[in-house]
Amino acid sequence: MARSPFTLAAAVTAALPGAEVTGARALSADGDARFDSAVASLADGRELAIRVADDDDAARELAAEALALRALTAGARAMLPFRAPEYVGETRVGDAPALVTELLPGFQIEAAHVPAGRGAAESMGAAIAAVHGLPTSVVRGAGLPSRSAEEARADIGRLVDDAAATGRVPARLTVRWREAVADDDLWRFESTITLNGVQATSFLFDDDDERGPHVVGLIGWHGLAIGDPAIDLSWLSAAPDAAADVQASYTRALDRAPDQALEVRARLLAELEFARWLVHGDALRRPDIVDDAAALLEALAEGLRHEDLAVVADRSAGVDSALDALDRVPAGQSAGGDTSMQTDAYSPDELWAAEQQDTADRGDDADAAAARRAEMVNVETEDLSGVADLFSPDAADRSSSRDAASPAAAAGASREDADGDDEEAQRAARAALQRWKSSASE
């Protein structure tokens, strides 16, 4: 049984001695079942998020995130045009490690629904560029991972070989990926600080009458490293409307020469998520996972036909349909990670009302949407006044592990520029993103 918000909030005082916890609630954006997570309200008005690992992989992720957030000094944070969660402390709930951080305000949006135009898309591109523009000393000084272009290339080569060794990768894909690894022009890039796989839901937005929707926070720092900047743009294959604007804004905001092969490598990394899923299933001797991954790879191969990764060509509907299935790959096997504990980022009622309204346009099954809504957690805050004596680590208990959830990853498309449509695009962006705007904190 999952730990209750009350139990999790009890552990906050161990990570932050002297804190007076006055309330607790579940996170409405609890997107990764590998963690138990909750929000603790403090007497001084602050809200903290606590996340508890349910397995060894999740524990390693929490440790990596704690290290990364501590590496973000005041000077590094001042260079970012948005907020990153503040590290508060670490503790244990029973036998499980727990991380406590600041809760960031804002609302999120899935990649497929990020609108084109000024505002959200351009702000996301600039935010990624800001992370990539941080001095590498931030990562090196903290002892975080660092990979050169050649090391990144070698990692991809090993993944392709491991996937091919299962005998379940279509020959067309094996040839395509090995040709990409062998193409020197694809791997002439300058390593930068990356988040090692940012996702659309890593961004937190606010809306402004003049600026439109813009990024005010970024979560999911456990992958902080030095490596291929393309990894943080691979999610754009899931953002058909916004991909071109995010990419263009990213390029404009960079203070270095453009990487001509960046988009191609980002596409390659998106495709290789299928290969990671296949290798994972093979390592676990899980025929169900292997069969699922193999079916996705067959669909991808069929859609690709003769498209060459060495050129940025128009993508066929078959490719888009295959890549749309990437949201079935669990977060633990994807480059992206959990964002469930650092923001209470949307109102479930508003989110599903918008989804129901868009059902006809998106072709969603209304019954499936209703079923998903029924799974939303109760975010009502519990009054903890008068029970301060219960707030000790001993009050926590260990729960059983749960299965990992899935991040989204899928195919993108470009948008034609139209200078006269800026105002209309911004209005459309604001209208689309407003559907995901969070209600005020309770």
Protein backbone atom coordinates (compact mmCIF):
# COMPACT_ATOMS: atom_id res chain seq x y z
CA MET A 1 0.00 0.00 0.00
CA ALA A 2 1.29 3.49 -0.88
CA ARG A 3 2.38 5.72 1.97
CA SER A 4 -0.13 8.41 2.86
CA PRO A 5 0.66 12.13 2.52
CA PHE A 6 0.41 12.37 6.30
CA THR A 7 3.13 9.74 6.72
CA LEU A 8 5.39 11.40 4.17
CA ALA A 9 4.92 14.86 5.67
CA ALA A 10 5.99 13.44 9.02
CA ALA A 11 9.45 12.83 7.58
CA VAL A 12 9.95 16.45 6.49
CA THR A 13 10.98 17.53 9.99
CA ALA A 14 13.83 15.02 9.91
CA ALA A 15 15.17 16.65 6.73
CA LEU A 16 14.45 20.18 7.98
CA PRO A 17 14.82 20.32 11.79
CA GLY A 18 12.57 22.89 13.40
CA ALA A 19 10.07 22.96 10.56
CA GLU A 20 6.45 23.27 11.69
CA VAL A 21 4.31 21.23 9.33
CA THR A 22 0.68 22.36 9.27
CA GLY A 23 -0.77 20.32 6.44
CA ALA A 24 -0.15 17.62 3.86
CA ARG A 25 -1.63 16.60 0.55
CA ALA A 26 -0.86 14.28 -2.32
CA LEU A 27 0.71 15.71 -5.43
CA SER A 28 -1.84 16.08 -8.22
CA ALA A 29 0.92 15.48 -10.81
CA ASP A 30 2.10 12.16 -9.38
CA GLY A 31 3.43 10.79 -12.65
CA ASP A 32 5.88 8.07 -11.63
CA ALA A 33 4.82 5.12 -9.49
CA ARG A 34 8.39 4.34 -8.50
CA PHE A 35 8.04 7.09 -5.89
CA ASP A 36 5.65 7.94 -3.09
CA SER A 37 5.33 11.72 -3.04
CA ALA A 38 3.46 14.44 -1.17
CA VAL A 39 3.36 18.16 -0.43
CA ALA A 40 3.95 19.43 3.10
CA SER A 41 2.68 22.89 4.04
CA LEU A 42 4.76 24.77 6.62
CA ALA A 43 3.70 27.38 9.16
CA ASP A 44 5.92 29.99 7.44
CA GLY A 45 3.91 29.65 4.22
CA ARG A 46 6.35 27.52 2.29
CA GLU A 47 5.39 24.30 0.56
CA LEU A 48 7.87 21.45 0.27
CA ALA A 49 7.74 18.32 -1.84
CA ILE A 50 8.93 14.98 -0.48
CA ARG A 51 9.61 11.93 -2.61
CA VAL A 52 10.43 8.45 -1.32
CA ALA A 53 12.09 5.78 -3.49
CA ASP A 54 10.42 2.40 -3.87
CA ASP A 55 13.32 0.51 -5.48
CA ASP A 56 17.07 0.69 -5.96
CA ASP A 57 16.88 2.51 -9.31
CA ALA A 58 14.61 5.16 -7.84
CA ALA A 59 16.95 5.53 -4.86
CA ARG A 60 19.88 6.15 -7.20
CA GLU A 61 17.82 8.75 -9.06
CA LEU A 62 17.02 10.59 -5.83
CA ALA A 63 20.70 10.59 -4.86
CA ALA A 64 21.66 11.96 -8.29
CA GLU A 65 19.03 14.69 -8.08
CA ALA A 66 20.15 15.72 -4.62
CA LEU A 67 23.72 16.03 -5.90
CA ALA A 68 22.64 17.98 -8.97
CA LEU A 69 20.49 20.47 -7.03
CA ARG A 70 23.32 21.10 -4.59
CA ALA A 71 25.64 21.70 -7.56
CA LEU A 72 23.40 24.56 -8.71
CA THR A 73 25.02 27.33 -6.73
CA ALA A 74 23.49 30.79 -6.39
CA GLY A 75 25.74 31.96 -9.20
CA ALA A 76 24.62 29.19 -11.54
CA ARG A 77 20.96 29.74 -10.69
CA ALA A 78 21.34 33.45 -11.45
CA MET A 79 22.29 32.53 -15.02
CA LEU A 80 18.99 30.74 -15.60
CA PRO A 81 15.86 32.64 -16.73
CA PHE A 82 13.68 30.34 -14.61
CA ARG A 83 13.71 28.66 -11.20
CA ALA A 84 15.08 25.25 -10.31
CA PRO A 85 13.92 23.53 -7.11
CA GLU A 86 15.93 24.32 -4.01
CA TYR A 87 17.47 21.38 -2.20
CA VAL A 88 16.08 21.18 1.36
CA GLY A 89 17.39 17.93 2.77
CA GLU A 90 17.43 14.14 2.76
CA THR A 91 16.11 11.60 5.22
CA ARG A 92 14.70 8.10 5.36
CA VAL A 93 11.14 6.82 5.61
CA GLY A 94 11.50 3.39 7.10
CA ASP A 95 14.26 1.76 5.08
CA ALA A 96 13.74 3.95 2.01
CA PRO A 97 15.65 7.14 1.14
CA ALA A 98 13.65 10.35 0.78
CA LEU A 99 14.44 13.72 -0.79
CA VAL A 100 12.81 17.00 0.24
CA THR A 101 12.86 19.98 -2.12
CA GLU A 102 11.08 23.25 -2.67
CA LEU A 103 7.71 22.95 -4.44
CA LEU A 104 7.70 25.10 -7.58
CA PRO A 105 4.50 26.75 -8.82
CA GLY A 106 3.42 26.54 -12.44
CA PHE A 107 1.45 24.47 -14.89
CA GLN A 108 2.60 21.75 -17.29
CA ILE A 109 1.57 20.59 -20.73
CA GLU A 110 2.18 17.37 -22.62
CA ALA A 111 4.49 17.56 -25.62
CA ALA A 112 1.78 16.83 -28.18
CA HIS A 113 -0.19 19.88 -27.03
CA VAL A 114 2.57 22.49 -26.88
CA PRO A 115 1.34 25.18 -29.29
CA ALA A 116 3.40 26.87 -31.95
CA GLY A 117 4.15 30.57 -31.97
CA ARG A 118 5.49 33.11 -29.55
CA GLY A 119 5.28 32.39 -25.85
CA ALA A 120 5.51 28.77 -24.77
CA ALA A 121 7.51 27.24 -27.62
CA GLU A 122 10.06 30.03 -27.84
CA SER A 123 10.41 30.16 -24.06
CA MET A 124 11.11 26.41 -23.94
CA GLY A 125 13.86 26.71 -26.55
CA ALA A 126 15.48 29.58 -24.68
CA ALA A 127 15.26 27.64 -21.39
CA ILE A 128 17.07 24.63 -22.84
CA ALA A 129 19.73 26.90 -24.33
CA ALA A 130 20.24 28.51 -20.91
CA VAL A 131 20.94 25.12 -19.32
CA HIS A 132 23.33 24.22 -22.13
CA GLY A 133 25.04 27.56 -21.67
CA LEU A 134 25.97 26.99 -18.02
CA PRO A 135 29.72 26.71 -17.41
CA THR A 136 30.84 23.09 -17.39
CA SER A 137 32.55 23.73 -14.06
CA VAL A 138 29.10 23.40 -12.45
CA VAL A 139 29.08 19.72 -13.36
CA ARG A 140 32.79 18.99 -13.14
CA GLY A 141 33.06 20.55 -9.68
CA ALA A 142 30.28 18.29 -8.38
CA GLY A 143 31.79 15.14 -9.84
CA LEU A 144 28.79 14.56 -12.10
CA PRO A 145 29.11 12.48 -15.31
CA SER A 146 30.87 13.88 -18.36
CA ARG A 147 30.96 12.41 -21.86
CA SER A 148 32.80 13.66 -24.91
CA ALA A 149 31.35 13.45 -28.41
CA GLU A 150 33.33 10.28 -29.06
CA GLU A 151 32.16 8.70 -25.82
CA ALA A 152 28.54 9.54 -26.63
CA ARG A 153 29.02 8.03 -30.08
CA ALA A 154 30.50 4.87 -28.58
CA ASP A 155 27.57 4.55 -26.16
CA ILE A 156 25.12 4.70 -29.06
CA GLY A 157 27.15 2.14 -30.99
CA ARG A 158 27.00 -0.30 -28.08
CA LEU A 159 23.26 0.18 -27.73
CA VAL A 160 22.72 -0.55 -31.43
CA ASP A 161 24.88 -3.68 -31.20
CA ASP A 162 23.09 -4.90 -28.08
CA ALA A 163 19.70 -4.39 -29.70
CA ALA A 164 20.77 -6.11 -32.92
CA ALA A 165 22.11 -9.07 -30.93
CA THR A 166 18.56 -9.88 -29.77
CA GLY A 167 17.65 -10.76 -33.35
CA ARG A 168 14.45 -8.70 -33.08
CA VAL A 169 15.53 -5.48 -34.80
CA PRO A 170 14.51 -5.13 -38.47
CA ALA A 171 17.58 -5.14 -40.71
CA ARG A 172 16.55 -1.77 -42.15
CA LEU A 173 16.85 -0.14 -38.73
CA THR A 174 20.12 -1.84 -37.84
CA VAL A 175 21.68 -0.59 -41.08
CA ARG A 176 20.20 2.89 -40.60
CA TRP A 177 21.49 3.25 -37.06
CA ARG A 178 24.94 1.83 -37.79
CA GLU A 179 25.32 4.19 -40.72
CA ALA A 180 24.44 7.06 -38.41
CA VAL A 181 27.05 5.95 -35.86
CA ALA A 182 29.64 5.70 -38.66
CA ASP A 183 28.85 9.18 -40.03
CA ASP A 184 31.61 11.44 -38.70
CA ASP A 185 29.63 14.56 -39.57
CA LEU A 186 26.92 13.67 -37.04
CA TRP A 187 29.34 13.53 -34.13
CA ARG A 188 31.26 16.78 -34.47
CA PHE A 189 29.63 18.61 -31.60
CA GLU A 190 30.73 20.47 -28.49
CA SER A 191 29.64 18.72 -25.30
CA THR A 192 27.56 20.94 -23.02
CA ILE A 193 25.78 20.72 -19.71
CA THR A 194 22.56 18.80 -20.31
CA LEU A 195 19.67 17.42 -18.29
CA ASN A 196 20.24 14.09 -20.07
CA GLY A 197 16.76 13.96 -21.52
CA VAL A 198 14.46 16.88 -20.66
CA GLN A 199 10.75 16.25 -21.32
CA ALA A 200 7.94 18.66 -22.13
CA THR A 201 6.53 18.12 -18.64
CA SER A 202 9.84 19.21 -17.13
CA PHE A 203 8.82 22.81 -17.89
CA LEU A 204 6.57 24.83 -15.59
CA PHE A 205 4.66 27.75 -17.10
CA ASP A 206 3.02 30.95 -16.02
CA ASP A 207 0.83 33.18 -18.18
CA ASP A 208 1.46 36.88 -18.66
CA ASP A 209 -0.73 39.40 -20.46
CA GLU A 210 2.25 40.84 -22.33
CA ARG A 211 4.71 37.95 -22.59
CA GLY A 212 2.21 35.16 -23.04
CA PRO A 213 2.85 31.68 -21.57
CA HIS A 214 6.49 31.43 -20.53
CA VAL A 215 8.74 29.06 -18.61
CA VAL A 216 9.10 29.96 -14.92
CA GLY A 217 10.52 26.70 -13.61
CA LEU A 218 12.30 23.54 -14.67
CA ILE A 219 12.26 20.22 -12.80
CA GLY A 220 13.89 16.83 -13.30
CA TRP A 221 17.58 17.57 -12.64
CA HIS A 222 18.71 14.05 -11.72
CA GLY A 223 20.38 13.56 -15.13
CA LEU A 224 22.56 16.69 -14.93
CA ALA A 225 25.76 15.92 -16.81
CA ILE A 226 28.06 17.00 -19.62
CA GLY A 227 27.21 15.38 -22.93
CA ASP A 228 25.37 15.60 -26.24
CA PRO A 229 22.97 18.57 -26.29
CA ALA A 230 20.74 16.64 -28.70
CA ILE A 231 19.47 14.50 -25.82
CA ASP A 232 17.51 17.46 -24.45
CA LEU A 233 15.84 18.05 -27.81
CA SER A 234 14.83 14.49 -28.63
CA TRP A 235 11.40 15.12 -27.03
CA LEU A 236 10.57 17.46 -29.92
CA SER A 237 9.60 14.44 -32.00
CA ALA A 238 6.53 14.41 -29.76
CA ALA A 239 5.67 18.08 -30.37
CA PRO A 240 4.43 18.37 -33.97
CA ASP A 241 3.14 21.93 -33.66
CA ALA A 242 5.92 23.48 -31.61
CA ALA A 243 9.07 21.63 -32.75
CA ALA A 244 10.21 24.17 -35.33
CA ASP A 245 9.71 27.15 -32.99
CA VAL A 246 11.44 25.48 -30.04
CA GLN A 247 14.39 24.52 -32.24
CA ALA A 248 14.64 28.01 -33.77
CA SER A 249 14.47 29.72 -30.38
CA TYR A 250 17.11 27.36 -29.01
CA THR A 251 19.45 28.15 -31.90
CA ARG A 252 18.96 31.92 -31.52
CA ALA A 253 19.68 31.80 -27.80
CA LEU A 254 22.94 29.85 -28.10
CA ASP A 255 26.23 31.69 -27.72
CA ARG A 256 28.13 29.20 -29.88
CA ALA A 257 28.22 28.17 -33.52
CA PRO A 258 25.12 26.21 -34.59
CA ASP A 259 25.36 22.42 -34.56
CA GLN A 260 24.18 21.48 -38.04
CA ALA A 261 23.58 17.84 -37.08
CA LEU A 262 21.73 18.55 -33.83
CA GLU A 263 18.24 17.85 -35.14
CA VAL A 264 19.36 14.63 -36.83
CA ARG A 265 20.98 13.29 -33.65
CA ALA A 266 17.91 14.26 -31.63
CA ARG A 267 15.77 12.24 -34.02
CA LEU A 268 18.18 9.29 -33.79
CA LEU A 269 18.02 9.35 -29.98
CA ALA A 270 14.21 9.36 -30.09
CA GLU A 271 14.17 6.28 -32.32
CA LEU A 272 16.67 4.49 -30.09
CA GLU A 273 14.26 4.58 -27.15
CA PHE A 274 12.65 1.55 -28.82
CA ALA A 275 16.04 -0.16 -28.81
CA ARG A 276 16.52 0.62 -25.11
CA TRP A 277 13.15 -0.90 -24.34
CA LEU A 278 14.05 -4.02 -26.31
CA VAL A 279 17.43 -4.42 -24.59
CA HIS A 280 15.80 -3.88 -21.20
CA GLY A 281 13.23 -6.58 -21.84
CA ASP A 282 15.88 -8.97 -23.11
CA ALA A 283 18.06 -8.40 -20.04
CA LEU A 284 15.11 -9.16 -17.75
CA ARG A 285 14.11 -12.19 -19.83
CA ARG A 286 10.66 -10.67 -20.26
CA PRO A 287 9.13 -11.99 -23.51
CA ASP A 288 6.20 -9.59 -23.17
CA ILE A 289 8.49 -6.56 -23.20
CA VAL A 290 10.63 -7.99 -26.01
CA ASP A 291 7.57 -8.70 -28.15
CA ASP A 292 6.16 -5.24 -27.50
CA ALA A 293 9.43 -3.53 -28.41
CA ALA A 294 9.84 -5.70 -31.50
CA ALA A 295 6.36 -4.76 -32.72
CA LEU A 296 7.15 -1.06 -32.26
CA LEU A 297 10.41 -1.47 -34.15
CA GLU A 298 8.63 -3.20 -37.02
CA ALA A 299 6.15 -0.32 -37.22
CA LEU A 300 8.99 2.19 -37.15
CA ALA A 301 10.89 0.36 -39.89
CA GLU A 302 7.80 0.19 -42.08
CA GLY A 303 7.16 3.89 -41.69
CA LEU A 304 10.72 4.94 -42.38
CA ARG A 305 11.00 3.26 -45.78
CA HIS A 306 14.08 4.85 -47.34
CA GLU A 307 14.38 7.99 -45.23
CA ASP A 308 18.03 8.79 -44.51
CA LEU A 309 19.16 10.10 -41.13
CA ALA A 310 21.98 11.98 -42.84
CA VAL A 311 19.48 14.51 -44.19
CA VAL A 312 16.65 16.30 -42.44
CA ALA A 313 13.78 15.20 -44.67
CA ASP A 314 10.01 15.44 -44.40
CA ARG A 315 8.78 12.66 -42.13
CA SER A 316 6.14 10.25 -43.33
CA ALA A 317 2.90 9.53 -41.50
CA GLY A 318 4.17 6.02 -40.89
CA VAL A 319 7.17 7.31 -38.97
CA ASP A 320 5.00 9.62 -36.91
CA SER A 321 2.59 6.82 -36.04
CA ALA A 322 5.40 4.55 -34.93
CA LEU A 323 7.11 7.18 -32.80
CA ASP A 324 3.79 8.08 -31.20
CA ALA A 325 4.03 4.75 -29.38
CA LEU A 326 7.10 5.90 -27.45
CA ASP A 327 4.94 6.90 -24.50
CA ARG A 328 4.65 3.18 -23.78
CA VAL A 329 8.33 2.99 -22.81
CA PRO A 330 8.56 3.36 -19.00
CA ALA A 331 10.42 6.33 -17.57
CA GLY A 332 13.07 4.14 -16.04
CA GLN A 333 14.22 3.05 -19.49
CA SER A 334 13.91 6.41 -21.18
CA ALA A 335 16.32 9.29 -21.12
CA GLY A 336 13.63 11.27 -19.33
CA GLY A 337 12.76 10.90 -15.67
CA ASP A 338 10.21 11.48 -13.00
CA THR A 339 8.77 14.93 -12.44
CA SER A 340 6.11 13.93 -10.00
CA MET A 341 7.39 15.38 -6.76
CA GLN A 342 8.56 18.90 -7.48
CA THR A 343 5.40 20.67 -8.58
CA ASP A 344 1.68 20.56 -7.99
CA ALA A 345 1.36 21.71 -11.52
CA TYR A 346 -2.19 21.44 -12.73
CA SER A 347 -5.79 21.22 -11.65
CA PRO A 348 -7.12 17.73 -12.51
CA ASP A 349 -10.63 19.07 -13.05
CA GLU A 350 -9.45 21.71 -15.51
CA LEU A 351 -7.13 19.29 -17.27
CA TRP A 352 -9.76 16.66 -17.91
CA ALA A 353 -12.42 19.20 -18.82
CA ALA A 354 -10.08 20.42 -21.56
CA GLU A 355 -9.34 16.85 -22.66
CA GLN A 356 -13.04 16.04 -22.93
CA GLN A 357 -13.62 19.17 -25.01
CA ASP A 358 -10.80 18.23 -27.37
CA THR A 359 -11.88 14.58 -27.74
CA ALA A 360 -13.40 15.02 -31.19
CA ASP A 361 -10.34 16.81 -32.59
CA ARG A 362 -7.77 14.44 -31.13
CA GLY A 363 -9.70 11.21 -31.67
CA ASP A 364 -9.45 10.21 -28.00
CA ASP A 365 -11.80 7.60 -26.57
CA ALA A 366 -14.09 9.43 -24.13
CA ASP A 367 -14.51 6.34 -21.99
CA ALA A 368 -10.73 5.98 -21.68
CA ALA A 369 -10.43 9.62 -20.69
CA ALA A 370 -13.06 9.11 -18.01
CA ALA A 371 -11.22 6.08 -16.70
CA ARG A 372 -7.98 8.03 -16.49
CA ARG A 373 -9.74 10.82 -14.63
CA ALA A 374 -10.97 8.36 -12.04
CA GLU A 375 -7.36 7.59 -11.17
CA MET A 376 -6.52 11.18 -10.24
CA VAL A 377 -5.48 11.59 -6.64
CA ASN A 378 -7.29 13.66 -4.03
CA VAL A 379 -5.30 16.87 -3.51
CA GLU A 380 -7.24 18.13 -0.53
CA THR A 381 -4.95 19.31 2.25
CA GLU A 382 -5.16 17.49 5.57
CA ASP A 383 -5.10 19.59 8.75
CA LEU A 384 -2.19 18.47 10.90
CA SER A 385 -2.59 21.02 13.67
CA GLY A 386 -2.05 19.56 17.13
CA VAL A 387 -0.23 16.42 15.99
CA ALA A 388 3.33 17.74 15.93
CA ASP A 389 4.40 14.96 18.27
CA LEU A 390 3.72 12.46 15.50
CA PHE A 391 6.15 14.09 13.10
CA SER A 392 9.15 11.85 13.44
CA PRO A 393 10.91 9.44 11.07
CA ASP A 394 9.64 6.54 13.20
CA ALA A 395 6.09 7.27 12.05
CA ALA A 396 6.91 6.18 8.51
CA ASP A 397 6.53 2.67 7.16
CA ARG A 398 7.83 0.85 4.13
CA SER A 399 5.48 0.08 1.24
CA SER A 400 5.78 -2.33 -1.68
CA SER A 401 7.20 -1.30 -5.08
CA ARG A 402 4.97 -0.23 -7.91
CA ASP A 403 5.40 -0.38 -11.67
CA ALA A 404 7.00 2.51 -13.55
CA ALA A 405 4.92 4.92 -15.59
CA SER A 406 5.57 6.03 -19.11
CA PRO A 407 6.92 9.30 -20.47
CA ALA A 408 5.84 10.59 -23.82
CA ALA A 409 8.07 10.60 -26.87
CA ALA A 410 6.93 10.77 -30.49
CA ALA A 411 7.25 12.32 -33.97
CA GLY A 412 7.53 15.99 -34.91
CA ALA A 413 6.87 18.24 -37.86
CA SER A 414 7.97 21.75 -38.88
CA ARG A 415 5.86 24.91 -39.17
CA GLU A 416 6.02 27.54 -41.95
CA ASP A 417 7.00 31.04 -40.80
CA ALA A 418 4.40 33.77 -41.14
CA ASP A 419 5.49 37.16 -39.83
CA GLY A 420 2.00 38.58 -39.88
CA ASP A 421 0.56 35.86 -37.68
CA ASP A 422 2.56 36.55 -34.49
CA GLU A 423 -0.29 38.06 -32.51
CA GLU A 424 -2.72 35.34 -33.56
CA ALA A 425 -0.15 32.66 -32.69
CA GLN A 426 0.41 34.13 -29.25
CA ARG A 427 -3.32 34.25 -28.57
CA ALA A 428 -3.62 30.62 -29.65
CA ALA A 429 -0.68 29.66 -27.42
CA ARG A 430 -2.22 31.35 -24.42
CA ALA A 431 -5.63 29.80 -25.05
CA ALA A 432 -4.17 26.30 -25.39
CA LEU A 433 -1.92 26.49 -22.37
CA GLN A 434 -4.54 28.11 -20.17
CA ARG A 435 -6.40 24.80 -20.18
CA TRP A 436 -3.57 23.35 -18.14
CA LYS A 437 -3.16 26.25 -15.75
CA SER A 438 -3.14 25.23 -12.14
CA SER A 439 -5.62 26.41 -9.58
CA ALA A 440 -4.37 28.44 -6.65
CA SER A 441 -2.53 26.53 -3.91
CA GLU A 442 -4.82 25.35 -1.16
